[in-house]
C-alpha atoms as a PDB file:
ATOM      1  CA  MET A   1     -17.204  -9.365   4.613  1.00  0.00           C
ATOM      2  CA  LYS A   2     -14.073  -8.454   6.292  1.00  0.00           C
ATOM      3  CA  ILE A   3     -11.808  -6.505   4.074  1.00  0.00           C
ATOM      4  CA  GLY A   4      -8.067  -5.726   4.768  1.00  0.00           C
ATOM      5  CA  ILE A   5      -6.673  -2.609   3.307  1.00  0.00           C
ATOM      6  CA  ASP A   6      -3.065  -1.310   2.932  1.00  0.00           C
ATOM      7  CA  LEU A   7      -2.696   2.451   3.014  1.00  0.00           C
ATOM      8  CA  ASP A   8       0.466   3.502   1.181  1.00  0.00           C
ATOM      9  CA  GLY A   9      -0.091   3.028  -2.643  1.00  0.00           C
ATOM     10  CA  VAL A  10      -3.682   1.812  -2.183  1.00  0.00           C
ATOM     11  CA  VAL A  11      -5.449   4.672  -0.225  1.00  0.00           C
ATOM     12  CA  PHE A  12      -2.588   7.221  -0.225  1.00  0.00           C
ATOM     13  CA  ASN A  13      -0.590   8.208  -3.307  1.00  0.00           C
ATOM     14  CA  THR A  14       2.667   8.361  -1.101  1.00  0.00           C
ATOM     15  CA  GLU A  15       4.307   5.578  -3.204  1.00  0.00           C
ATOM     16  CA  MET A  16       4.014   8.004  -6.302  1.00  0.00           C
ATOM     17  CA  LEU A  17       5.539  10.745  -4.233  1.00  0.00           C
ATOM     18  CA  TRP A  18       8.257   8.611  -2.817  1.00  0.00           C
ATOM     19  CA  PHE A  19       9.388   7.284  -6.156  1.00  0.00           C
ATOM     20  CA  THR A  20       9.312  10.944  -7.570  1.00  0.00           C
ATOM     21  CA  TYR A  21      11.554  12.113  -4.703  1.00  0.00           C
ATOM     22  CA  ALA A  22      13.768   8.965  -5.053  1.00  0.00           C
ATOM     23  CA  GLU A  23      14.240   9.688  -8.807  1.00  0.00           C
ATOM     24  CA  LEU A  24      15.202  13.290  -7.967  1.00  0.00           C
ATOM     25  CA  TYR A  25      17.432  12.221  -5.060  1.00  0.00           C
ATOM     26  CA  ASP A  26      19.319   9.742  -7.211  1.00  0.00           C
ATOM     27  CA  CYS A  27      19.589  11.939 -10.274  1.00  0.00           C
ATOM     28  CA  ILE A  28      20.408  15.330  -8.633  1.00  0.00           C
ATOM     29  CA  GLU A  29      21.752  14.793  -5.134  1.00  0.00           C
ATOM     30  CA  LEU A  30      23.659  11.502  -5.760  1.00  0.00           C
ATOM     31  CA  ASN A  31      24.423  12.338  -9.454  1.00  0.00           C
ATOM     32  CA  GLN A  32      23.922   8.919 -10.540  1.00  0.00           C
ATOM     33  CA  ASN A  33      21.629   6.491 -12.219  1.00  0.00           C
ATOM     34  CA  SER A  34      21.381   3.736  -9.558  1.00  0.00           C
ATOM     35  CA  VAL A  35      18.053   2.058 -10.803  1.00  0.00           C
ATOM     36  CA  VAL A  36      18.746  -1.720 -10.869  1.00  0.00           C
ATOM     37  CA  ASN A  37      15.173  -2.857 -11.046  1.00  0.00           C
ATOM     38  CA  LYS A  38      12.597  -0.425 -12.355  1.00  0.00           C
ATOM     39  CA  ASP A  39       9.680  -2.730 -11.500  1.00  0.00           C
ATOM     40  CA  GLU A  40      10.635  -3.073  -7.897  1.00  0.00           C
ATOM     41  CA  ALA A  41       8.024  -1.750  -5.372  1.00  0.00           C
ATOM     42  CA  ARG A  42      10.490  -1.063  -2.558  1.00  0.00           C
ATOM     43  CA  ILE A  43      13.071   1.819  -2.981  1.00  0.00           C
ATOM     44  CA  GLN A  44      15.728  -0.206  -1.167  1.00  0.00           C
ATOM     45  CA  GLU A  45      15.485  -2.835  -3.841  1.00  0.00           C
ATOM     46  CA  LYS A  46      14.925  -0.387  -6.860  1.00  0.00           C
ATOM     47  CA  TYR A  47      18.191   1.524  -6.415  1.00  0.00           C
ATOM     48  CA  ASN A  48      21.703   0.382  -5.842  1.00  0.00           C
ATOM     49  CA  TRP A  49      22.094   2.798  -2.981  1.00  0.00           C
ATOM     50  CA  SER A  50      24.455   2.216   0.020  1.00  0.00           C
ATOM     51  CA  GLU A  51      22.974   1.920   3.536  1.00  0.00           C
ATOM     52  CA  ASP A  52      23.905   5.653   4.236  1.00  0.00           C
ATOM     53  CA  GLU A  53      22.108   6.830   1.067  1.00  0.00           C
ATOM     54  CA  ILE A  54      19.159   4.902   1.787  1.00  0.00           C
ATOM     55  CA  ASN A  55      19.083   6.327   5.432  1.00  0.00           C
ATOM     56  CA  VAL A  56      19.648   9.916   4.149  1.00  0.00           C
ATOM     57  CA  PHE A  57      16.618   9.485   1.804  1.00  0.00           C
ATOM     58  CA  PHE A  58      14.318   8.008   4.395  1.00  0.00           C
ATOM     59  CA  ASN A  59      15.202  10.597   6.992  1.00  0.00           C
ATOM     60  CA  ARG A  60      14.294  13.208   4.701  1.00  0.00           C
ATOM     61  CA  TYR A  61      11.156  11.713   3.091  1.00  0.00           C
ATOM     62  CA  ALA A  62       9.735   8.903   5.082  1.00  0.00           C
ATOM     63  CA  ASP A  63       7.300  11.137   7.016  1.00  0.00           C
ATOM     64  CA  ILE A  64       6.248  13.135   3.970  1.00  0.00           C
ATOM     65  CA  LYS A  65       2.993  14.874   4.317  1.00  0.00           C
ATOM     66  CA  GLU A  66       2.075  16.158   0.987  1.00  0.00           C
ATOM     67  CA  PHE A  67       0.324  13.120  -0.228  1.00  0.00           C
ATOM     68  CA  ASP A  68      -3.324  13.002  -1.420  1.00  0.00           C
ATOM     69  CA  ILE A  69      -6.052  10.342  -1.211  1.00  0.00           C
ATOM     70  CA  MET A  70      -6.182   8.072  -4.331  1.00  0.00           C
ATOM     71  CA  PRO A  71      -8.995   9.095  -6.714  1.00  0.00           C
ATOM     72  CA  GLY A  72     -12.158   7.332  -5.668  1.00  0.00           C
ATOM     73  CA  ALA A  73     -10.780   5.811  -2.579  1.00  0.00           C
ATOM     74  CA  LYS A  74     -12.774   7.885  -0.119  1.00  0.00           C
ATOM     75  CA  GLU A  75     -15.971   7.307  -2.045  1.00  0.00           C
ATOM     76  CA  VAL A  76     -15.524   3.554  -2.345  1.00  0.00           C
ATOM     77  CA  ILE A  77     -14.510   3.099   1.227  1.00  0.00           C
ATOM     78  CA  ASN A  78     -17.703   4.896   2.389  1.00  0.00           C
ATOM     79  CA  LEU A  79     -19.647   2.722  -0.063  1.00  0.00           C
ATOM     80  CA  LEU A  80     -18.160  -0.398   1.413  1.00  0.00           C
ATOM     81  CA  LYS A  81     -18.983   0.659   4.980  1.00  0.00           C
ATOM     82  CA  LYS A  82     -22.420   1.584   3.926  1.00  0.00           C
ATOM     83  CA  ASP A  83     -22.719  -1.980   2.243  1.00  0.00           C
ATOM     84  CA  GLY A  84     -21.910  -3.386   5.770  1.00  0.00           C
ATOM     85  CA  HIS A  85     -18.306  -4.655   5.143  1.00  0.00           C
ATOM     86  CA  GLU A  86     -15.928  -4.519   7.941  1.00  0.00           C
ATOM     87  CA  LEU A  87     -12.732  -2.538   6.846  1.00  0.00           C
ATOM     88  CA  VAL A  88      -9.342  -3.089   8.578  1.00  0.00           C
ATOM     89  CA  ILE A  89      -6.217  -1.287   7.864  1.00  0.00           C
ATOM     90  CA  ILE A  90      -3.121  -3.607   7.701  1.00  0.00           C
ATOM     91  CA  SER A  91      -0.216  -1.365   6.913  1.00  0.00           C
ATOM     92  CA  ALA A  92       3.604  -1.541   7.144  1.00  0.00           C
ATOM     93  CA  ARG A  93       3.437   2.198   7.922  1.00  0.00           C
ATOM     94  CA  GLY A  94       5.698   2.935  10.762  1.00  0.00           C
ATOM     95  CA  ALA A  95       8.019  -0.232  10.327  1.00  0.00           C
ATOM     96  CA  ILE A  96      10.600   1.873   8.606  1.00  0.00           C
ATOM     97  CA  SER A  97      12.740   3.176  11.616  1.00  0.00           C
ATOM     98  CA  ASN A  98      13.160   6.476   9.852  1.00  0.00           C
ATOM     99  CA  GLN A  99       9.352   6.874   9.864  1.00  0.00           C
ATOM    100  CA  LYS A 100       8.649   8.539  13.303  1.00  0.00           C
ATOM    101  CA  ASN A 101       5.239  10.002  12.721  1.00  0.00           C
ATOM    102  CA  GLY A 102       3.815   7.633  10.073  1.00  0.00           C
ATOM    103  CA  GLU A 103       0.853   6.591  12.093  1.00  0.00           C
ATOM    104  CA  ASN A 104      -0.160  10.127  13.266  1.00  0.00           C
ATOM    105  CA  ILE A 105       0.326  11.539   9.789  1.00  0.00           C
ATOM    106  CA  ALA A 106      -1.929   8.881   8.445  1.00  0.00           C
ATOM    107  CA  PHE A 107      -4.583   9.364  11.119  1.00  0.00           C
ATOM    108  CA  GLU A 108      -4.549  13.090  10.492  1.00  0.00           C
ATOM    109  CA  LYS A 109      -5.072  12.561   6.883  1.00  0.00           C
ATOM    110  CA  LEU A 110      -7.832  10.170   7.272  1.00  0.00           C
ATOM    111  CA  GLU A 111      -9.656  12.272   9.901  1.00  0.00           C
ATOM    112  CA  LYS A 112      -9.228  15.482   7.602  1.00  0.00           C
ATOM    113  CA  GLU A 113     -10.859  13.401   4.766  1.00  0.00           C
ATOM    114  CA  GLY A 114     -13.580  11.851   6.908  1.00  0.00           C
ATOM    115  CA  ILE A 115     -12.533   8.269   6.240  1.00  0.00           C
ATOM    116  CA  LYS A 116     -12.974   5.813   8.988  1.00  0.00           C
ATOM    117  CA  PHE A 117     -11.977   2.165   9.395  1.00  0.00           C
ATOM    118  CA  ASP A 118     -13.180  -0.502  12.000  1.00  0.00           C
ATOM    119  CA  LYS A 119      -9.642  -1.473  13.106  1.00  0.00           C
ATOM    120  CA  TYR A 120      -6.017  -0.449  12.520  1.00  0.00           C
ATOM    121  CA  TYR A 121      -2.878  -2.572  12.485  1.00  0.00           C
ATOM    122  CA  TRP A 122       0.442  -0.522  11.955  1.00  0.00           C
ATOM    123  CA  LYS A 123       4.115  -1.677  11.479  1.00  0.00           C
ATOM    124  CA  GLN A 124       2.941  -4.880  10.007  1.00  0.00           C
ATOM    125  CA  THR A 125       5.835  -6.713   8.578  1.00  0.00           C
ATOM    126  CA  ASP A 126       3.841  -9.987   8.646  1.00  0.00           C
ATOM    127  CA  LYS A 127       0.571  -9.195   6.854  1.00  0.00           C
ATOM    128  CA  LEU A 128      -0.064 -12.927   6.221  1.00  0.00           C
ATOM    129  CA  GLY A 129      -0.266 -13.561   9.785  1.00  0.00           C
ATOM    130  CA  THR A 130      -2.387 -10.688  10.600  1.00  0.00           C
ATOM    131  CA  CYS A 131      -4.828 -11.576   7.738  1.00  0.00           C
ATOM    132  CA  LYS A 132      -5.085 -15.027   9.145  1.00  0.00           C
ATOM    133  CA  SER A 133      -5.688 -14.002  12.764  1.00  0.00           C
ATOM    134  CA  GLU A 134      -8.203 -11.345  11.687  1.00  0.00           C
ATOM    135  CA  LYS A 135      -9.866 -13.850   9.210  1.00  0.00           C
ATOM    136  CA  ILE A 136      -9.662 -11.502   6.309  1.00  0.00           C
ATOM    137  CA  ASP A 137     -11.920 -12.282   3.387  1.00  0.00           C
ATOM    138  CA  VAL A 138     -10.208 -10.096   0.862  1.00  0.00           C
ATOM    139  CA  MET A 139      -6.921  -8.066   1.303  1.00  0.00           C
ATOM    140  CA  ILE A 140      -6.143  -5.055  -0.851  1.00  0.00           C
ATOM    141  CA  ASP A 141      -2.566  -4.389  -1.242  1.00  0.00           C
ATOM    142  CA  ASP A 142      -0.017  -2.970  -3.803  1.00  0.00           C
ATOM    143  CA  ASN A 143       3.083  -4.888  -2.923  1.00  0.00           C
ATOM    144  CA  TYR A 144       3.636  -7.758  -5.481  1.00  0.00           C
ATOM    145  CA  ASN A 145       5.648  -9.968  -2.875  1.00  0.00           C
ATOM    146  CA  ILE A 146       2.905  -9.609  -0.222  1.00  0.00           C
ATOM    147  CA  CYS A 147       0.173 -10.388  -2.615  1.00  0.00           C
ATOM    148  CA  LYS A 148       2.108 -13.482  -3.957  1.00  0.00           C
ATOM    149  CA  THR A 149       2.491 -14.666  -0.320  1.00  0.00           C
ATOM    150  CA  LEU A 150      -1.258 -14.094   0.401  1.00  0.00           C
ATOM    151  CA  ILE A 151      -2.381 -15.859  -2.770  1.00  0.00           C
ATOM    152  CA  ASN A 152      -0.136 -18.837  -2.137  1.00  0.00           C
ATOM    153  CA  GLU A 153      -1.924 -19.201   1.308  1.00  0.00           C
ATOM    154  CA  ASN A 154      -5.295 -19.098  -0.424  1.00  0.00           C
ATOM    155  CA  ILE A 155      -6.220 -15.601   0.875  1.00  0.00           C
ATOM    156  CA  HIS A 156      -8.299 -13.812  -1.785  1.00  0.00           C
ATOM    157  CA  THR A 157      -6.324 -10.747  -2.711  1.00  0.00           C
ATOM    158  CA  ILE A 158      -6.886  -7.415  -4.799  1.00  0.00           C
ATOM    159  CA  TYR A 159      -3.494  -6.552  -6.338  1.00  0.00           C
ATOM    160  CA  PHE A 160      -3.661  -2.636  -6.619  1.00  0.00           C
ATOM    161  CA  HIS A 161      -1.497  -2.172  -9.410  1.00  0.00           C
ATOM    162  CA  SER A 162      -1.194   1.494  -9.852  1.00  0.00           C
ATOM    163  CA  LEU A 163       2.511   1.998 -10.788  1.00  0.00           C
ATOM    164  CA  ASN A 164       4.732   0.323 -13.213  1.00  0.00           C
ATOM    165  CA  ARG A 165       4.798  -2.985 -11.258  1.00  0.00           C
ATOM    166  CA  LYS A 166       5.113  -6.806 -12.061  1.00  0.00           C
ATOM    167  CA  HIS A 167       1.884  -8.417 -13.123  1.00  0.00           C
ATOM    168  CA  ILE A 168       0.534 -11.487 -11.242  1.00  0.00           C
ATOM    169  CA  GLU A 169      -0.528 -14.507 -13.161  1.00  0.00           C
ATOM    170  CA  ASP A 170      -4.137 -15.251 -13.165  1.00  0.00           C
ATOM    171  CA  ASN A 171      -5.301 -17.092 -10.206  1.00  0.00           C
ATOM    172  CA  SER A 172      -8.651 -17.660  -8.649  1.00  0.00           C
ATOM    173  CA  ASN A 173      -7.373 -16.046  -5.379  1.00  0.00           C
ATOM    174  CA  VAL A 174      -6.336 -12.761  -7.010  1.00  0.00           C
ATOM    175  CA  LYS A 175      -7.716  -9.776  -8.847  1.00  0.00           C
ATOM    176  CA  GLU A 176      -5.512  -7.154 -10.323  1.00  0.00           C
ATOM    177  CA  VAL A 177      -6.834  -3.775 -10.472  1.00  0.00           C
ATOM    178  CA  SER A 178      -5.521  -0.270 -11.184  1.00  0.00           C
ATOM    179  CA  ASN A 179      -8.221   1.998  -9.677  1.00  0.00           C
ATOM    180  CA  TRP A 180     -10.883   2.138  -6.883  1.00  0.00           C
ATOM    181  CA  GLY A 181     -13.701   1.715  -9.161  1.00  0.00           C
ATOM    182  CA  GLU A 182     -12.495  -1.728 -10.123  1.00  0.00           C
ATOM    183  CA  VAL A 183     -12.007  -2.509  -6.484  1.00  0.00           C
ATOM    184  CA  TYR A 184     -15.738  -1.678  -5.896  1.00  0.00           C
ATOM    185  CA  ARG A 185     -17.031  -3.719  -8.802  1.00  0.00           C
ATOM    186  CA  PHE A 186     -14.965  -6.627  -7.729  1.00  0.00           C
ATOM    187  CA  ILE A 187     -16.190  -6.628  -4.049  1.00  0.00           C
ATOM    188  CA  LYS A 188     -19.735  -5.900  -5.142  1.00  0.00           C
ATOM    189  CA  ASN A 189     -19.698  -8.983  -7.283  1.00  0.00           C
ATOM    190  CA  TYR A 190     -17.646 -11.228  -4.944  1.00  0.00           C
ATOM    191  CA  HIS A 191     -19.127 -14.135  -3.096  1.00  0.00           C
ATOM    192  CA  VAL A 192     -17.219 -15.664  -0.236  1.00  0.00           C
END
């Protein structure tokens, strides 16, 4: 099976770090409470920040390096490779103009952890198009809107729901999970 995998918020815990720093930036540096949508996955839509405030935040934190691998991700990725699945990174990493070293930082972390993928797609603002052209059987992503788009196009999707995010209605094309153990169980029992 060909499996597409997002990085940030799925393999890396970067989303948790970005949201932690966003809260501190909003509360301490901006001295405000700008949260307009607490369930939003994108910082640009969670806070009512000006364009300048968004740029200052991303200039400071877009290339953060102190992130970890999500618990179980390395083990499950290695199991999936051992089981014969083809694993394709499909990541928006690098699409934010402030993220100058995103791909290099990701490669360094993956190499350090001994995690390998078969193919890498960076700066993906159209994950649907990439999934279609790569003939992805299952895509793992943590972005609600991306998952909804994939589901509506009949692409089987694992919605990695690790933060306080919106839930997706039950559908034969989606499985909502909160950890890598659930990812493995679903794929092990999944039949294309």
